[in-house]
Each structure stands twice: as C-alpha cells, then as structure tokens.
Amino acid sequence: MNNVYEEVASAALTLPPEDRALLADDLVASLEASQAEIDEAWRIEIERRIKEIKEGKVQLIPGEQVMSELRAQLKR
C-alpha cells in the first residue's frame, strides 16, 4: 500500500460512524460511475464485433475448436 492510501484510511477510521458511512457511500458511488463507463465501452465493442461478423470481416471459430487448441497449448 502506498502512503497516501494509508494516510486516508487512517484519517477515515477516526471519523464518527455516520461520517464513515457517508464516505463509504461516496466511494462506492464513484466506482459505480466507473462501472457505467465500462459498461458503455463494452456495449460499443460488442456492437463493433457484431457489425464485423455481419459484414463477413471476421471468421467465427467454433467453441469446441477453440477449447481444443487451448488445451493443446497448455500441454506444451
């Protein structure tokens, strides 16, 4: 852990319980906002991949073939 984390965590633990709860809510909310951005990025990526499949720009590989090739590589 870095010093900033340790200082913040130490200071947060000195807060009264209701202030710690508010801080915890704010921290969780900040992660949820980041999750929304991640979800949006995945939505865009999924749409791009679907478009490539429909346009024939990529070739799909059956799951069994992928797993077989992965198992073979792991055995090396």
N, C-alpha and C. Protein backbone atom coordinates (compact mmCIF):
# COMPACT_ATOMS: atom_id res chain seq x y z
N MET A 1 0.84 -1.18 0.00
CA MET A 1 0.00 0.00 0.00
C MET A 1 0.89 1.24 0.00
N ASN A 2 0.40 2.28 -0.62
CA ASN A 2 1.21 3.49 -0.62
C ASN A 2 0.84 4.40 0.54
N ASN A 3 1.67 5.39 0.76
CA ASN A 3 1.48 6.27 1.91
C ASN A 3 0.17 7.05 1.86
N VAL A 4 -0.24 7.49 0.67
CA VAL A 4 -1.48 8.25 0.56
C VAL A 4 -2.66 7.41 1.01
N TYR A 5 -2.69 6.15 0.56
CA TYR A 5 -3.77 5.27 0.98
C TYR A 5 -3.78 5.11 2.49
N GLU A 6 -2.63 4.84 3.05
CA GLU A 6 -2.54 4.63 4.49
C GLU A 6 -2.98 5.86 5.27
N GLU A 7 -2.60 7.05 4.78
CA GLU A 7 -3.00 8.29 5.46
C GLU A 7 -4.51 8.49 5.37
N VAL A 8 -5.07 8.27 4.19
CA VAL A 8 -6.51 8.46 4.00
C VAL A 8 -7.29 7.45 4.84
N ALA A 9 -6.87 6.20 4.79
CA ALA A 9 -7.56 5.16 5.55
C ALA A 9 -7.49 5.44 7.04
N SER A 10 -6.33 5.85 7.51
CA SER A 10 -6.16 6.15 8.92
C SER A 10 -7.06 7.32 9.34
N ALA A 11 -7.08 8.36 8.52
CA ALA A 11 -7.93 9.53 8.82
C ALA A 11 -9.40 9.14 8.78
N ALA A 12 -9.78 8.32 7.80
CA ALA A 12 -11.19 7.92 7.68
C ALA A 12 -11.65 7.13 8.90
N LEU A 13 -10.78 6.31 9.44
CA LEU A 13 -11.15 5.50 10.59
C LEU A 13 -11.34 6.31 11.86
N THR A 14 -10.87 7.54 11.86
CA THR A 14 -11.07 8.40 13.03
C THR A 14 -12.40 9.13 12.98
N LEU A 15 -13.08 9.08 11.83
CA LEU A 15 -14.37 9.75 11.67
C LEU A 15 -15.45 9.06 12.49
N PRO A 16 -16.47 9.81 12.88
CA PRO A 16 -17.62 9.16 13.54
C PRO A 16 -18.28 8.17 12.57
N PRO A 17 -18.97 7.17 13.09
CA PRO A 17 -19.57 6.14 12.24
C PRO A 17 -20.44 6.69 11.11
N GLU A 18 -21.27 7.71 11.39
CA GLU A 18 -22.14 8.22 10.34
C GLU A 18 -21.34 8.89 9.22
N ASP A 19 -20.22 9.54 9.55
CA ASP A 19 -19.37 10.14 8.52
C ASP A 19 -18.64 9.07 7.73
N ARG A 20 -18.21 7.99 8.39
CA ARG A 20 -17.58 6.87 7.68
C ARG A 20 -18.56 6.24 6.71
N ALA A 21 -19.82 6.12 7.14
CA ALA A 21 -20.84 5.55 6.26
C ALA A 21 -21.06 6.43 5.03
N LEU A 22 -21.11 7.74 5.23
CA LEU A 22 -21.27 8.65 4.09
C LEU A 22 -20.07 8.55 3.14
N LEU A 23 -18.88 8.49 3.71
CA LEU A 23 -17.67 8.36 2.90
C LEU A 23 -17.70 7.05 2.12
N ALA A 24 -18.09 5.98 2.77
CA ALA A 24 -18.18 4.68 2.10
C ALA A 24 -19.18 4.74 0.95
N ASP A 25 -20.33 5.38 1.17
CA ASP A 25 -21.33 5.52 0.10
C ASP A 25 -20.76 6.30 -1.08
N ASP A 26 -20.03 7.38 -0.77
CA ASP A 26 -19.43 8.19 -1.84
C ASP A 26 -18.40 7.40 -2.63
N LEU A 27 -17.59 6.60 -1.92
CA LEU A 27 -16.59 5.80 -2.61
C LEU A 27 -17.23 4.74 -3.49
N VAL A 28 -18.25 4.08 -2.99
CA VAL A 28 -18.96 3.08 -3.79
C VAL A 28 -19.62 3.73 -5.00
N ALA A 29 -20.23 4.89 -4.80
CA ALA A 29 -20.87 5.61 -5.91
C ALA A 29 -19.84 5.96 -6.99
N SER A 30 -18.62 6.32 -6.57
CA SER A 30 -17.60 6.65 -7.56
C SER A 30 -17.21 5.43 -8.38
N LEU A 31 -17.25 4.25 -7.77
CA LEU A 31 -16.97 3.02 -8.51
C LEU A 31 -18.09 2.68 -9.46
N GLU A 32 -19.32 2.92 -9.04
CA GLU A 32 -20.47 2.64 -9.89
C GLU A 32 -20.45 3.53 -11.12
N ALA A 33 -20.03 4.78 -10.98
CA ALA A 33 -19.92 5.66 -12.13
C ALA A 33 -18.89 5.09 -13.10
N SER A 34 -17.79 4.60 -12.56
CA SER A 34 -16.78 3.99 -13.41
C SER A 34 -17.33 2.74 -14.09
N GLN A 35 -18.15 1.98 -13.38
CA GLN A 35 -18.75 0.79 -13.96
C GLN A 35 -19.65 1.15 -15.12
N ALA A 36 -20.37 2.27 -15.02
CA ALA A 36 -21.23 2.71 -16.12
C ALA A 36 -20.38 3.00 -17.36
N GLU A 37 -19.22 3.60 -17.16
CA GLU A 37 -18.33 3.87 -18.29
C GLU A 37 -17.81 2.57 -18.89
N ILE A 38 -17.48 1.63 -18.04
CA ILE A 38 -17.02 0.33 -18.52
C ILE A 38 -18.12 -0.37 -19.31
N ASP A 39 -19.33 -0.34 -18.78
CA ASP A 39 -20.46 -0.97 -19.46
C ASP A 39 -20.68 -0.35 -20.84
N GLU A 40 -20.57 0.97 -20.92
CA GLU A 40 -20.75 1.66 -22.20
C GLU A 40 -19.66 1.27 -23.19
N ALA A 41 -18.43 1.19 -22.72
CA ALA A 41 -17.32 0.79 -23.59
C ALA A 41 -17.54 -0.63 -24.12
N TRP A 42 -18.02 -1.53 -23.26
CA TRP A 42 -18.30 -2.90 -23.70
C TRP A 42 -19.45 -2.92 -24.70
N ARG A 43 -20.48 -2.10 -24.46
CA ARG A 43 -21.61 -2.05 -25.40
C ARG A 43 -21.12 -1.65 -26.79
N ILE A 44 -20.26 -0.65 -26.86
CA ILE A 44 -19.71 -0.18 -28.14
C ILE A 44 -18.88 -1.28 -28.79
N GLU A 45 -18.04 -1.95 -27.98
CA GLU A 45 -17.20 -3.02 -28.52
C GLU A 45 -18.05 -4.18 -29.04
N ILE A 46 -19.08 -4.54 -28.32
CA ILE A 46 -19.97 -5.63 -28.76
C ILE A 46 -20.64 -5.27 -30.07
N GLU A 47 -21.12 -4.04 -30.19
CA GLU A 47 -21.75 -3.61 -31.44
C GLU A 47 -20.76 -3.65 -32.60
N ARG A 48 -19.51 -3.24 -32.35
CA ARG A 48 -18.48 -3.28 -33.39
C ARG A 48 -18.23 -4.71 -33.85
N ARG A 49 -18.14 -5.63 -32.89
CA ARG A 49 -17.89 -7.02 -33.24
C ARG A 49 -19.06 -7.63 -34.01
N ILE A 50 -20.27 -7.34 -33.60
CA ILE A 50 -21.45 -7.86 -34.31
C ILE A 50 -21.46 -7.36 -35.73
N LYS A 51 -21.14 -6.08 -35.93
CA LYS A 51 -21.09 -5.50 -37.27
C LYS A 51 -20.06 -6.21 -38.13
N GLU A 52 -18.87 -6.47 -37.57
CA GLU A 52 -17.83 -7.18 -38.31
C GLU A 52 -18.27 -8.58 -38.71
N ILE A 53 -18.98 -9.25 -37.82
CA ILE A 53 -19.48 -10.60 -38.12
C ILE A 53 -20.49 -10.53 -39.26
N LYS A 54 -21.45 -9.62 -39.16
CA LYS A 54 -22.49 -9.49 -40.19
C LYS A 54 -21.91 -9.11 -41.54
N GLU A 55 -20.85 -8.30 -41.54
CA GLU A 55 -20.23 -7.87 -42.79
C GLU A 55 -19.24 -8.90 -43.33
N GLY A 56 -19.04 -9.99 -42.61
CA GLY A 56 -18.13 -11.04 -43.05
C GLY A 56 -16.66 -10.67 -42.93
N LYS A 57 -16.35 -9.69 -42.11
CA LYS A 57 -14.96 -9.26 -41.95
C LYS A 57 -14.17 -10.18 -41.03
N VAL A 58 -14.85 -10.96 -40.23
CA VAL A 58 -14.19 -11.89 -39.33
C VAL A 58 -14.79 -13.27 -39.51
N GLN A 59 -13.99 -14.27 -39.20
CA GLN A 59 -14.47 -15.65 -39.29
C GLN A 59 -14.65 -16.19 -37.88
N LEU A 60 -15.82 -16.72 -37.60
CA LEU A 60 -16.09 -17.30 -36.29
C LEU A 60 -15.44 -18.67 -36.18
N ILE A 61 -15.00 -18.99 -34.97
CA ILE A 61 -14.39 -20.29 -34.70
C ILE A 61 -15.27 -21.00 -33.68
N PRO A 62 -15.65 -22.26 -33.97
CA PRO A 62 -16.49 -23.00 -33.02
C PRO A 62 -15.81 -23.12 -31.65
N GLY A 63 -16.61 -23.05 -30.60
CA GLY A 63 -16.09 -23.12 -29.24
C GLY A 63 -15.28 -24.37 -28.97
N GLU A 64 -15.74 -25.53 -29.50
CA GLU A 64 -15.02 -26.78 -29.28
C GLU A 64 -13.61 -26.71 -29.86
N GLN A 65 -13.48 -26.07 -31.03
CA GLN A 65 -12.17 -25.94 -31.66
C GLN A 65 -11.26 -25.04 -30.82
N VAL A 66 -11.79 -23.95 -30.34
CA VAL A 66 -11.01 -23.03 -29.50
C VAL A 66 -10.51 -23.75 -28.26
N MET A 67 -11.41 -24.45 -27.58
CA MET A 67 -11.03 -25.14 -26.34
C MET A 67 -10.00 -26.23 -26.62
N SER A 68 -10.16 -26.95 -27.72
CA SER A 68 -9.21 -28.00 -28.09
C SER A 68 -7.82 -27.41 -28.32
N GLU A 69 -7.77 -26.29 -29.04
CA GLU A 69 -6.48 -25.64 -29.31
C GLU A 69 -5.85 -25.11 -28.02
N LEU A 70 -6.66 -24.56 -27.14
CA LEU A 70 -6.14 -24.07 -25.86
C LEU A 70 -5.58 -25.21 -25.02
N ARG A 71 -6.31 -26.32 -24.97
CA ARG A 71 -5.82 -27.47 -24.20
C ARG A 71 -4.49 -27.98 -24.75
N ALA A 72 -4.38 -27.99 -26.07
CA ALA A 72 -3.14 -28.45 -26.70
C ALA A 72 -1.99 -27.51 -26.33
N GLN A 73 -2.23 -26.22 -26.32
CA GLN A 73 -1.18 -25.26 -25.94
C GLN A 73 -0.77 -25.41 -24.48
N LEU A 74 -1.73 -25.69 -23.62
CA LEU A 74 -1.42 -25.84 -22.20
C LEU A 74 -0.59 -27.08 -21.93
N LYS A 75 -0.72 -28.09 -22.75
CA LYS A 75 0.03 -29.33 -22.56
C LYS A 75 1.49 -29.19 -22.98
N ARG A 76 1.83 -28.15 -23.73
CA ARG A 76 3.20 -27.97 -24.20
C ARG A 76 4.14 -27.68 -23.09
